């Protein structure tokens, strides 16, 4: 893996900005639940069922990619802790 070139906050800011402005309109209609791996330097991306698959394909094309991952239609790629189900008893 390439060495990080940005602080964590700058990495996240760039990834979110590229996703929202350039990629979301292309992938959101038909890829809910898929993972998008984005090179935050070039804006190139890959979509796959698993983050590792998307990142591996992107690194195959761009070995120096600075990768940010997003799960289409969700606020985070992974969830930690229990899931609260509302409306069920």
C-alpha atoms as a PDB file:
ATOM      1  CA  UNK A   1       0.000   0.000   0.000  1.00  0.00           C
ATOM      2  CA  UNK A   2       1.242   3.498  -0.739  1.00  0.00           C
ATOM      3  CA  UNK A   3       2.112   5.805   2.140  1.00  0.00           C
ATOM      4  CA  UNK A   4      -0.636   8.294   3.084  1.00  0.00           C
ATOM      5  CA  UNK A   5      -0.082  11.763   1.651  1.00  0.00           C
ATOM      6  CA  UNK A   6      -2.853  13.533   3.569  1.00  0.00           C
ATOM      7  CA  UNK A   7      -4.056  13.885   7.136  1.00  0.00           C
ATOM      8  CA  UNK A   8      -7.058  11.720   8.034  1.00  0.00           C
ATOM      9  CA  UNK A   9      -9.399  14.709   7.958  1.00  0.00           C
ATOM     10  CA  UNK A  10      -8.104  15.931   4.569  1.00  0.00           C
ATOM     11  CA  UNK A  11      -8.289  12.401   3.144  1.00  0.00           C
ATOM     12  CA  UNK A  12     -11.924  12.098   4.266  1.00  0.00           C
ATOM     13  CA  UNK A  13     -12.827  15.589   3.019  1.00  0.00           C
ATOM     14  CA  UNK A  14     -11.387  14.920  -0.424  1.00  0.00           C
ATOM     15  CA  UNK A  15     -13.022  11.475  -0.682  1.00  0.00           C
ATOM     16  CA  UNK A  16     -16.467  12.745   0.311  1.00  0.00           C
ATOM     17  CA  UNK A  17     -16.221  15.744  -2.012  1.00  0.00           C
ATOM     18  CA  UNK A  18     -15.233  13.648  -5.050  1.00  0.00           C
ATOM     19  CA  UNK A  19     -17.943  11.088  -4.315  1.00  0.00           C
ATOM     20  CA  UNK A  20     -20.719  13.650  -3.890  1.00  0.00           C
ATOM     21  CA  UNK A  21     -19.775  15.858  -6.861  1.00  0.00           C
ATOM     22  CA  UNK A  22     -18.588  13.343  -9.456  1.00  0.00           C
ATOM     23  CA  UNK A  23     -19.368   9.731  -8.630  1.00  0.00           C
ATOM     24  CA  UNK A  24     -22.679   9.581  -6.735  1.00  0.00           C
ATOM     25  CA  UNK A  25     -24.766  10.659  -9.750  1.00  0.00           C
ATOM     26  CA  UNK A  26     -23.200   7.835 -11.774  1.00  0.00           C
ATOM     27  CA  UNK A  27     -23.462   4.972  -9.284  1.00  0.00           C
ATOM     28  CA  UNK A  28     -26.345   5.635  -6.898  1.00  0.00           C
ATOM     29  CA  UNK A  29     -29.291   4.736  -9.119  1.00  0.00           C
ATOM     30  CA  UNK A  30     -28.318   1.088  -9.534  1.00  0.00           C
ATOM     31  CA  UNK A  31     -25.584   0.147  -7.040  1.00  0.00           C
ATOM     32  CA  UNK A  32     -27.135   0.458  -3.551  1.00  0.00           C
ATOM     33  CA  UNK A  33     -25.057  -1.520  -1.047  1.00  0.00           C
ATOM     34  CA  UNK A  34     -22.017  -1.739  -3.335  1.00  0.00           C
ATOM     35  CA  UNK A  35     -18.624  -0.379  -2.258  1.00  0.00           C
ATOM     36  CA  UNK A  36     -16.932   2.383  -4.259  1.00  0.00           C
ATOM     37  CA  UNK A  37     -13.147   2.732  -3.933  1.00  0.00           C
ATOM     38  CA  UNK A  38     -11.995   6.191  -5.040  1.00  0.00           C
ATOM     39  CA  UNK A  39      -8.491   7.482  -5.755  1.00  0.00           C
ATOM     40  CA  UNK A  40      -8.708  10.895  -4.089  1.00  0.00           C
ATOM     41  CA  UNK A  41      -5.941  12.280  -6.306  1.00  0.00           C
ATOM     42  CA  UNK A  42      -7.323  11.378  -9.736  1.00  0.00           C
ATOM     43  CA  UNK A  43     -11.019  10.744  -9.062  1.00  0.00           C
ATOM     44  CA  UNK A  44     -10.814   7.307 -10.693  1.00  0.00           C
ATOM     45  CA  UNK A  45     -12.939   4.656  -9.003  1.00  0.00           C
ATOM     46  CA  UNK A  46     -14.040   1.021  -8.928  1.00  0.00           C
ATOM     47  CA  UNK A  47     -17.336  -0.498  -7.734  1.00  0.00           C
ATOM     48  CA  UNK A  48     -17.617  -3.994  -6.211  1.00  0.00           C
ATOM     49  CA  UNK A  49     -19.565  -6.045  -3.655  1.00  0.00           C
ATOM     50  CA  UNK A  50     -16.603  -5.940  -1.269  1.00  0.00           C
ATOM     51  CA  UNK A  51     -14.270  -3.079  -0.438  1.00  0.00           C
ATOM     52  CA  UNK A  52     -11.175  -5.225  -0.832  1.00  0.00           C
ATOM     53  CA  UNK A  53     -12.207  -6.207  -4.365  1.00  0.00           C
ATOM     54  CA  UNK A  54     -12.865  -2.594  -5.380  1.00  0.00           C
ATOM     55  CA  UNK A  55      -9.611  -1.382  -3.813  1.00  0.00           C
ATOM     56  CA  UNK A  56      -7.563  -4.207  -5.374  1.00  0.00           C
ATOM     57  CA  UNK A  57      -8.870  -3.450  -8.861  1.00  0.00           C
ATOM     58  CA  UNK A  58      -8.200   0.262  -8.391  1.00  0.00           C
ATOM     59  CA  UNK A  59      -4.655  -0.426  -7.146  1.00  0.00           C
ATOM     60  CA  UNK A  60      -4.135  -2.700 -10.160  1.00  0.00           C
ATOM     61  CA  UNK A  61      -4.733   0.292 -12.407  1.00  0.00           C
ATOM     62  CA  UNK A  62      -3.297   2.996 -10.133  1.00  0.00           C
ATOM     63  CA  UNK A  63      -0.621   1.493  -7.821  1.00  0.00           C
ATOM     64  CA  UNK A  64      -0.081   4.802  -6.010  1.00  0.00           C
ATOM     65  CA  UNK A  65      -3.805   5.448  -5.419  1.00  0.00           C
ATOM     66  CA  UNK A  66      -4.873   7.156  -2.203  1.00  0.00           C
ATOM     67  CA  UNK A  67      -8.091   5.214  -1.615  1.00  0.00           C
ATOM     68  CA  UNK A  68     -11.300   6.345   0.068  1.00  0.00           C
ATOM     69  CA  UNK A  69     -14.209   3.865   0.258  1.00  0.00           C
ATOM     70  CA  UNK A  70     -17.935   4.587   0.367  1.00  0.00           C
ATOM     71  CA  UNK A  71     -20.932   2.242   0.592  1.00  0.00           C
ATOM     72  CA  UNK A  72     -23.545   3.410  -1.903  1.00  0.00           C
ATOM     73  CA  UNK A  73     -26.710   4.549  -0.138  1.00  0.00           C
ATOM     74  CA  UNK A  74     -25.306   4.257   3.408  1.00  0.00           C
ATOM     75  CA  UNK A  75     -23.570   6.712   5.771  1.00  0.00           C
ATOM     76  CA  UNK A  76     -20.632   4.350   6.439  1.00  0.00           C
ATOM     77  CA  UNK A  77     -18.902   1.359   4.870  1.00  0.00           C
ATOM     78  CA  UNK A  78     -18.946  -0.683   8.095  1.00  0.00           C
ATOM     79  CA  UNK A  79     -21.063  -0.673  11.233  1.00  0.00           C
ATOM     80  CA  UNK A  80     -19.659  -1.287  14.709  1.00  0.00           C
ATOM     81  CA  UNK A  81     -21.747  -2.463  17.634  1.00  0.00           C
ATOM     82  CA  UNK A  82     -25.352  -3.654  17.818  1.00  0.00           C
ATOM     83  CA  UNK A  83     -27.963  -2.623  15.305  1.00  0.00           C
ATOM     84  CA  UNK A  84     -31.069  -0.994  16.741  1.00  0.00           C
ATOM     85  CA  UNK A  85     -34.278  -2.016  15.016  1.00  0.00           C
ATOM     86  CA  UNK A  86     -37.017   0.531  15.460  1.00  0.00           C
ATOM     87  CA  UNK A  87     -40.674  -0.446  15.480  1.00  0.00           C
ATOM     88  CA  UNK A  88     -40.083  -4.089  16.447  1.00  0.00           C
ATOM     89  CA  UNK A  89     -40.922  -5.486  19.844  1.00  0.00           C
END
